[in-house]
Amino acid sequence: MSRAHILNADTLWECPDCSHRHVTTEHRPHLPIHPCAGNHGLSVPMVRAGTKSRHVLMEREDYVGSEVGVQSDSDGRAIMSVVTERWDDTTDCTVYAPTATV
């Protein structure tokens, strides 16, 4: 068996909120994201297949104003981040940073 084959093992990913699945062969740290139908079309990270987890959308609580690139869900609510909570008490946070204008 070649060393390249060992370093490029398949990793199966899934979304806890929809049926989307994905396979990667990257050996370096990475985290695929996808536009999720279960989360109003927002781009959310995937988790390793079999991981019990959930996504929590964090609504933006400050004034949006004229910022460009503010992420909104299908109901028009401004979303500032999505927190991925796993049942082993670990979390990740994906932040949707808008673009400031002058």
Protein backbone atom coordinates (compact mmCIF):
# COMPACT_ATOMS: atom_id res chain seq x y z
CA MET A 1 0.00 0.00 0.00
CA SER A 2 1.45 3.37 -0.97
CA ARG A 3 1.93 6.24 1.45
CA ALA A 4 -0.20 8.54 -0.76
CA HIS A 5 -3.15 6.19 -0.34
CA ILE A 6 -2.85 6.30 3.46
CA LEU A 7 -2.74 10.11 3.52
CA ASN A 8 -5.77 10.47 1.25
CA ALA A 9 -8.34 8.47 3.19
CA ASP A 10 -11.98 9.25 2.44
CA THR A 11 -13.95 11.26 5.00
CA LEU A 12 -17.75 11.16 4.89
CA TRP A 13 -19.52 14.37 5.92
CA GLU A 14 -23.20 15.05 6.54
CA CYS A 15 -25.45 17.92 7.55
CA PRO A 16 -27.42 17.50 10.80
CA ASP A 17 -30.29 19.62 9.39
CA CYS A 18 -30.83 18.19 5.90
CA SER A 19 -29.98 15.10 3.88
CA HIS A 20 -26.85 16.53 2.21
CA ARG A 21 -23.77 14.27 2.28
CA HIS A 22 -20.26 14.82 0.95
CA VAL A 23 -17.02 12.82 0.68
CA THR A 24 -13.55 14.39 0.79
CA THR A 25 -10.09 12.88 0.36
CA GLU A 26 -8.09 15.80 1.79
CA HIS A 27 -5.64 14.78 4.54
CA ARG A 28 -5.09 18.31 5.87
CA PRO A 29 -7.60 19.89 8.30
CA HIS A 30 -10.67 21.08 6.41
CA LEU A 31 -14.40 21.57 6.90
CA PRO A 32 -16.82 21.54 3.97
CA ILE A 33 -19.81 23.88 3.96
CA HIS A 34 -22.98 23.84 1.87
CA PRO A 35 -26.11 25.94 1.27
CA CYS A 36 -28.56 24.17 3.59
CA ALA A 37 -32.25 23.84 2.78
CA GLY A 38 -32.89 23.05 6.45
CA ASN A 39 -31.34 26.38 7.50
CA HIS A 40 -33.08 28.76 5.11
CA GLY A 41 -30.39 28.43 2.41
CA LEU A 42 -27.55 29.72 4.58
CA SER A 43 -24.08 28.21 4.09
CA VAL A 44 -23.45 25.99 7.09
CA PRO A 45 -20.60 23.62 7.97
CA MET A 46 -20.97 19.88 7.75
CA VAL A 47 -19.94 17.39 10.45
CA ARG A 48 -18.30 13.98 10.19
CA ALA A 49 -20.90 11.34 9.43
CA GLY A 50 -22.38 9.79 12.56
CA THR A 51 -21.69 12.84 14.76
CA LYS A 52 -24.72 13.83 16.82
CA SER A 53 -24.98 17.58 16.46
CA ARG A 54 -27.18 20.53 15.59
CA HIS A 55 -26.85 24.00 14.09
CA VAL A 56 -28.08 27.02 16.04
CA LEU A 57 -28.66 30.18 13.99
CA MET A 58 -27.70 33.30 15.92
CA GLU A 59 -29.85 36.26 14.89
CA ARG A 60 -28.11 39.60 14.57
CA GLU A 61 -29.25 41.89 17.37
CA ASP A 62 -27.73 45.20 16.31
CA TYR A 63 -28.74 47.69 13.62
CA VAL A 64 -27.93 46.55 10.08
CA GLY A 65 -28.00 49.95 8.35
CA SER A 66 -26.36 50.12 4.90
CA GLU A 67 -23.86 47.28 5.32
CA VAL A 68 -23.23 45.10 2.28
CA GLY A 69 -23.20 41.31 2.48
CA VAL A 70 -25.43 40.83 5.51
CA GLN A 71 -26.62 37.21 5.54
CA SER A 72 -30.38 36.81 5.87
CA ASP A 73 -32.49 33.69 6.17
CA SER A 74 -35.54 33.03 4.00
CA ASP A 75 -37.70 34.95 6.50
CA GLY A 76 -35.56 38.08 6.09
CA ARG A 77 -33.94 37.91 9.54
CA ALA A 78 -30.30 39.00 9.65
CA ILE A 79 -28.14 36.09 10.85
CA MET A 80 -24.73 36.88 12.33
CA SER A 81 -23.45 33.33 12.85
CA VAL A 82 -24.25 29.65 13.09
CA VAL A 83 -23.02 27.61 16.04
CA THR A 84 -22.47 23.88 15.51
CA GLU A 85 -23.12 22.10 18.81
CA ARG A 86 -22.01 18.49 19.18
CA TRP A 87 -23.25 16.11 21.85
CA ASP A 88 -19.69 15.71 23.20
CA ASP A 89 -19.88 19.38 24.39
CA THR A 90 -17.66 20.77 21.61
CA THR A 91 -18.78 23.68 19.46
CA ASP A 92 -17.72 25.55 16.34
CA CYS A 93 -18.88 28.97 15.24
CA THR A 94 -19.18 30.17 11.63
CA VAL A 95 -19.44 33.96 11.45
CA TYR A 96 -21.11 35.80 8.57
CA ALA A 97 -19.11 39.03 8.44
CA PRO A 98 -20.69 41.86 6.42
CA THR A 99 -18.68 44.35 4.41
CA ALA A 100 -18.40 47.90 5.69
CA THR A 101 -18.83 50.78 3.27
CA VAL A 102 -17.58 54.35 3.43
